[in-house]
């Protein structure tokens, strides 16, 4: 197992893990309530938190745009690519010094911590976190609906 994934698994195993998605319900959430908790932040939610255990993204264009913000966090970073066998085999890092995971498909679930399924960042992050064997996963901002006419808490 790659060092970063082993470190991630050891940090999350048996813990309550909060995954923070970008749903509109997070607009008024007090993120200071998560201080000291194990948190995985998806995409632009890094603008809402002061610290986190990991950042997760699937869109490298997003990462390039937010690279300065991504770099300010001292945490593990995970990105997803469809064709990345050499990244995994040779331990090559992705943008933002991220550990690259393989997108195995849009639908399903992978028990291999090196790969994820899902057609969005939220589903893929959930696949990754599940493979660390946490005690409980708490989803924030996984709204699956419009709230006050908005689907996300960010633009």
C-alpha atoms as a PDB file:
ATOM      1  CA  UNK A   1       0.000   0.000   0.000  1.00  0.00           C
ATOM      2  CA  UNK A   2       1.269   3.475  -0.843  1.00  0.00           C
ATOM      3  CA  UNK A   3       2.562   5.411   2.166  1.00  0.00           C
ATOM      4  CA  UNK A   4      -0.043   8.188   1.952  1.00  0.00           C
ATOM      5  CA  UNK A   5      -2.920   5.723   1.746  1.00  0.00           C
ATOM      6  CA  UNK A   6      -1.570   3.724   4.684  1.00  0.00           C
ATOM      7  CA  UNK A   7      -1.230   6.939   6.694  1.00  0.00           C
ATOM      8  CA  UNK A   8      -4.778   7.949   5.686  1.00  0.00           C
ATOM      9  CA  UNK A   9      -6.182   4.536   6.655  1.00  0.00           C
ATOM     10  CA  UNK A  10      -4.428   4.604  10.036  1.00  0.00           C
ATOM     11  CA  UNK A  11      -5.788   8.106  10.745  1.00  0.00           C
ATOM     12  CA  UNK A  12      -9.409   7.218   9.853  1.00  0.00           C
ATOM     13  CA  UNK A  13      -9.771   3.602  10.942  1.00  0.00           C
ATOM     14  CA  UNK A  14     -12.251   3.322  13.811  1.00  0.00           C
ATOM     15  CA  UNK A  15     -12.895   7.097  13.877  1.00  0.00           C
ATOM     16  CA  UNK A  16     -15.940   9.212  13.173  1.00  0.00           C
ATOM     17  CA  UNK A  17     -15.189  10.859   9.819  1.00  0.00           C
ATOM     18  CA  UNK A  18     -16.933  13.944   8.478  1.00  0.00           C
ATOM     19  CA  UNK A  19     -17.015  14.351   4.692  1.00  0.00           C
ATOM     20  CA  UNK A  20     -17.840  17.924   3.725  1.00  0.00           C
ATOM     21  CA  UNK A  21     -19.555  18.276   0.368  1.00  0.00           C
ATOM     22  CA  UNK A  22     -20.539  21.500  -1.326  1.00  0.00           C
ATOM     23  CA  UNK A  23     -24.303  21.418  -0.885  1.00  0.00           C
ATOM     24  CA  UNK A  24     -26.256  24.585  -0.181  1.00  0.00           C
ATOM     25  CA  UNK A  25     -27.069  23.376   3.342  1.00  0.00           C
ATOM     26  CA  UNK A  26     -23.502  24.249   4.369  1.00  0.00           C
ATOM     27  CA  UNK A  27     -23.993  27.984   3.710  1.00  0.00           C
ATOM     28  CA  UNK A  28     -24.933  28.651   7.329  1.00  0.00           C
ATOM     29  CA  UNK A  29     -23.065  25.765   8.982  1.00  0.00           C
ATOM     30  CA  UNK A  30     -20.644  26.668  11.799  1.00  0.00           C
ATOM     31  CA  UNK A  31     -17.495  24.847  10.688  1.00  0.00           C
ATOM     32  CA  UNK A  32     -15.750  25.586  13.989  1.00  0.00           C
ATOM     33  CA  UNK A  33     -17.872  22.718  15.369  1.00  0.00           C
ATOM     34  CA  UNK A  34     -15.573  20.391  13.410  1.00  0.00           C
ATOM     35  CA  UNK A  35     -12.322  21.658  14.940  1.00  0.00           C
ATOM     36  CA  UNK A  36     -10.309  18.663  16.111  1.00  0.00           C
ATOM     37  CA  UNK A  37     -12.488  16.207  14.160  1.00  0.00           C
ATOM     38  CA  UNK A  38     -11.410  13.977  11.272  1.00  0.00           C
ATOM     39  CA  UNK A  39     -12.635  15.876   8.216  1.00  0.00           C
ATOM     40  CA  UNK A  40     -12.396  15.275   4.489  1.00  0.00           C
ATOM     41  CA  UNK A  41     -13.103  18.406   2.480  1.00  0.00           C
ATOM     42  CA  UNK A  42     -14.301  18.208  -1.111  1.00  0.00           C
ATOM     43  CA  UNK A  43     -13.304  20.843  -3.666  1.00  0.00           C
ATOM     44  CA  UNK A  44     -14.221  24.465  -2.914  1.00  0.00           C
ATOM     45  CA  UNK A  45     -15.264  23.702   0.645  1.00  0.00           C
ATOM     46  CA  UNK A  46     -11.614  24.402   1.503  1.00  0.00           C
ATOM     47  CA  UNK A  47     -12.708  28.036   1.534  1.00  0.00           C
ATOM     48  CA  UNK A  48     -15.016  27.334   4.494  1.00  0.00           C
ATOM     49  CA  UNK A  49     -12.629  25.476   6.830  1.00  0.00           C
ATOM     50  CA  UNK A  50      -9.469  26.463   8.649  1.00  0.00           C
ATOM     51  CA  UNK A  51      -8.049  22.935   8.794  1.00  0.00           C
ATOM     52  CA  UNK A  52      -8.879  19.430   7.635  1.00  0.00           C
ATOM     53  CA  UNK A  53      -7.516  15.902   7.587  1.00  0.00           C
ATOM     54  CA  UNK A  54      -7.615  15.631   3.786  1.00  0.00           C
ATOM     55  CA  UNK A  55      -8.738  17.416   0.636  1.00  0.00           C
ATOM     56  CA  UNK A  56     -10.363  15.470  -2.187  1.00  0.00           C
ATOM     57  CA  UNK A  57     -10.999  16.533  -5.788  1.00  0.00           C
ATOM     58  CA  UNK A  58     -11.591  14.992  -9.185  1.00  0.00           C
ATOM     59  CA  UNK A  59     -11.242  18.042 -11.435  1.00  0.00           C
ATOM     60  CA  UNK A  60      -7.623  19.038 -12.062  1.00  0.00           C
ATOM     61  CA  UNK A  61      -8.776  22.304 -13.661  1.00  0.00           C
ATOM     62  CA  UNK A  62     -10.374  23.139 -10.301  1.00  0.00           C
ATOM     63  CA  UNK A  63      -7.139  22.194  -8.509  1.00  0.00           C
ATOM     64  CA  UNK A  64      -5.042  24.398 -10.794  1.00  0.00           C
ATOM     65  CA  UNK A  65      -7.383  27.329 -10.155  1.00  0.00           C
ATOM     66  CA  UNK A  66      -7.319  26.800  -6.366  1.00  0.00           C
ATOM     67  CA  UNK A  67      -3.714  25.608  -6.049  1.00  0.00           C
ATOM     68  CA  UNK A  68      -2.653  28.446  -3.718  1.00  0.00           C
ATOM     69  CA  UNK A  69      -5.522  27.594  -1.369  1.00  0.00           C
ATOM     70  CA  UNK A  70      -4.845  23.848  -1.611  1.00  0.00           C
ATOM     71  CA  UNK A  71      -1.165  24.418  -0.811  1.00  0.00           C
ATOM     72  CA  UNK A  72      -1.919  26.311   2.415  1.00  0.00           C
ATOM     73  CA  UNK A  73      -3.341  23.146   3.994  1.00  0.00           C
ATOM     74  CA  UNK A  74      -0.947  20.758   5.723  1.00  0.00           C
ATOM     75  CA  UNK A  75      -2.940  17.609   5.122  1.00  0.00           C
ATOM     76  CA  UNK A  76      -3.216  14.683   2.760  1.00  0.00           C
ATOM     77  CA  UNK A  77      -4.552  15.482  -0.704  1.00  0.00           C
ATOM     78  CA  UNK A  78      -6.281  13.108  -3.098  1.00  0.00           C
ATOM     79  CA  UNK A  79      -7.094  13.549  -6.763  1.00  0.00           C
ATOM     80  CA  UNK A  80      -8.708  11.206  -9.261  1.00  0.00           C
ATOM     81  CA  UNK A  81      -7.724  10.339 -12.837  1.00  0.00           C
ATOM     82  CA  UNK A  82      -9.203   7.821 -15.190  1.00  0.00           C
ATOM     83  CA  UNK A  83      -5.892   6.700 -16.703  1.00  0.00           C
ATOM     84  CA  UNK A  84      -3.310   6.681 -13.938  1.00  0.00           C
ATOM     85  CA  UNK A  85      -1.822   3.198 -13.654  1.00  0.00           C
ATOM     86  CA  UNK A  86       1.712   4.614 -13.916  1.00  0.00           C
ATOM     87  CA  UNK A  87       0.963   7.205 -11.229  1.00  0.00           C
ATOM     88  CA  UNK A  88      -0.005   4.383  -8.872  1.00  0.00           C
ATOM     89  CA  UNK A  89       2.714   1.944  -9.919  1.00  0.00           C
ATOM     90  CA  UNK A  90       5.524   4.504  -9.695  1.00  0.00           C
ATOM     91  CA  UNK A  91       4.165   6.635  -6.835  1.00  0.00           C
ATOM     92  CA  UNK A  92       3.938   9.750  -8.997  1.00  0.00           C
ATOM     93  CA  UNK A  93       2.162  12.686  -7.368  1.00  0.00           C
ATOM     94  CA  UNK A  94      -0.576  14.698  -9.032  1.00  0.00           C
ATOM     95  CA  UNK A  95      -1.245  18.425  -9.013  1.00  0.00           C
ATOM     96  CA  UNK A  96      -0.952  19.971  -5.550  1.00  0.00           C
ATOM     97  CA  UNK A  97       1.236  17.053  -4.424  1.00  0.00           C
ATOM     98  CA  UNK A  98      -1.859  14.872  -4.390  1.00  0.00           C
ATOM     99  CA  UNK A  99      -2.041  11.105  -4.160  1.00  0.00           C
ATOM    100  CA  UNK A 100      -3.672   9.996  -7.386  1.00  0.00           C
ATOM    101  CA  UNK A 101      -6.514   7.478  -7.264  1.00  0.00           C
ATOM    102  CA  UNK A 102      -7.903   5.663 -10.289  1.00  0.00           C
ATOM    103  CA  UNK A 103     -11.470   6.322 -11.412  1.00  0.00           C
ATOM    104  CA  UNK A 104     -12.702   2.786 -11.997  1.00  0.00           C
ATOM    105  CA  UNK A 105     -16.123   3.767 -13.337  1.00  0.00           C
ATOM    106  CA  UNK A 106     -19.246   5.812 -12.736  1.00  0.00           C
ATOM    107  CA  UNK A 107     -21.262   3.139 -10.940  1.00  0.00           C
ATOM    108  CA  UNK A 108     -20.259   0.592  -8.341  1.00  0.00           C
ATOM    109  CA  UNK A 109     -17.885   0.363  -5.429  1.00  0.00           C
ATOM    110  CA  UNK A 110     -14.230  -0.586  -5.217  1.00  0.00           C
ATOM    111  CA  UNK A 111     -12.707  -2.402  -2.258  1.00  0.00           C
ATOM    112  CA  UNK A 112      -9.248  -1.422  -3.598  1.00  0.00           C
ATOM    113  CA  UNK A 113      -8.097   1.731  -1.782  1.00  0.00           C
ATOM    114  CA  UNK A 114      -6.196   2.781  -4.934  1.00  0.00           C
ATOM    115  CA  UNK A 115      -9.381   3.272  -6.928  1.00  0.00           C
ATOM    116  CA  UNK A 116     -12.844   4.748  -6.606  1.00  0.00           C
ATOM    117  CA  UNK A 117     -16.184   4.553  -8.371  1.00  0.00           C
ATOM    118  CA  UNK A 118     -18.688   7.361  -8.757  1.00  0.00           C
ATOM    119  CA  UNK A 119     -19.765  10.046 -11.171  1.00  0.00           C
ATOM    120  CA  UNK A 120     -18.993  12.930  -8.803  1.00  0.00           C
ATOM    121  CA  UNK A 121     -16.476  13.930  -6.136  1.00  0.00           C
ATOM    122  CA  UNK A 122     -18.862  13.213  -3.279  1.00  0.00           C
ATOM    123  CA  UNK A 123     -19.498   9.608  -4.306  1.00  0.00           C
ATOM    124  CA  UNK A 124     -15.815   8.984  -4.969  1.00  0.00           C
ATOM    125  CA  UNK A 125     -14.728  10.462  -1.629  1.00  0.00           C
ATOM    126  CA  UNK A 126     -17.280   8.250   0.100  1.00  0.00           C
ATOM    127  CA  UNK A 127     -15.811   5.175  -1.667  1.00  0.00           C
ATOM    128  CA  UNK A 128     -12.300   6.120  -0.516  1.00  0.00           C
ATOM    129  CA  UNK A 129     -13.283   6.821   3.101  1.00  0.00           C
ATOM    130  CA  UNK A 130     -15.325   3.608   3.358  1.00  0.00           C
ATOM    131  CA  UNK A 131     -12.163   1.637   2.548  1.00  0.00           C
ATOM    132  CA  UNK A 132     -10.413   3.065   5.626  1.00  0.00           C
ATOM    133  CA  UNK A 133     -12.900   1.291   7.909  1.00  0.00           C
ATOM    134  CA  UNK A 134     -14.064   4.271   9.943  1.00  0.00           C
ATOM    135  CA  UNK A 135     -16.415   3.846  12.891  1.00  0.00           C
ATOM    136  CA  UNK A 136     -18.977   6.141  11.307  1.00  0.00           C
ATOM    137  CA  UNK A 137     -19.169   8.469   8.281  1.00  0.00           C
ATOM    138  CA  UNK A 138     -21.089  11.716   8.687  1.00  0.00           C
ATOM    139  CA  UNK A 139     -21.996  13.475   5.436  1.00  0.00           C
ATOM    140  CA  UNK A 140     -22.363  17.264   5.403  1.00  0.00           C
ATOM    141  CA  UNK A 141     -23.454  19.113   2.285  1.00  0.00           C
ATOM    142  CA  UNK A 142     -24.671  15.983   0.479  1.00  0.00           C
ATOM    143  CA  UNK A 143     -28.041  17.623  -0.126  1.00  0.00           C
ATOM    144  CA  UNK A 144     -29.282  15.859  -3.285  1.00  0.00           C
ATOM    145  CA  UNK A 145     -31.748  18.705  -3.795  1.00  0.00           C
ATOM    146  CA  UNK A 146     -32.046  22.446  -4.232  1.00  0.00           C
ATOM    147  CA  UNK A 147     -32.153  24.601  -1.110  1.00  0.00           C
ATOM    148  CA  UNK A 148     -33.514  28.106  -1.647  1.00  0.00           C
ATOM    149  CA  UNK A 149     -32.950  27.544  -5.369  1.00  0.00           C
ATOM    150  CA  UNK A 150     -29.262  26.626  -4.970  1.00  0.00           C
ATOM    151  CA  UNK A 151     -27.533  23.281  -5.446  1.00  0.00           C
ATOM    152  CA  UNK A 152     -24.170  24.354  -3.965  1.00  0.00           C
ATOM    153  CA  UNK A 153     -22.930  26.662  -1.237  1.00  0.00           C
ATOM    154  CA  UNK A 154     -20.391  28.147  -3.686  1.00  0.00           C
ATOM    155  CA  UNK A 155     -20.655  29.529  -7.212  1.00  0.00           C
END
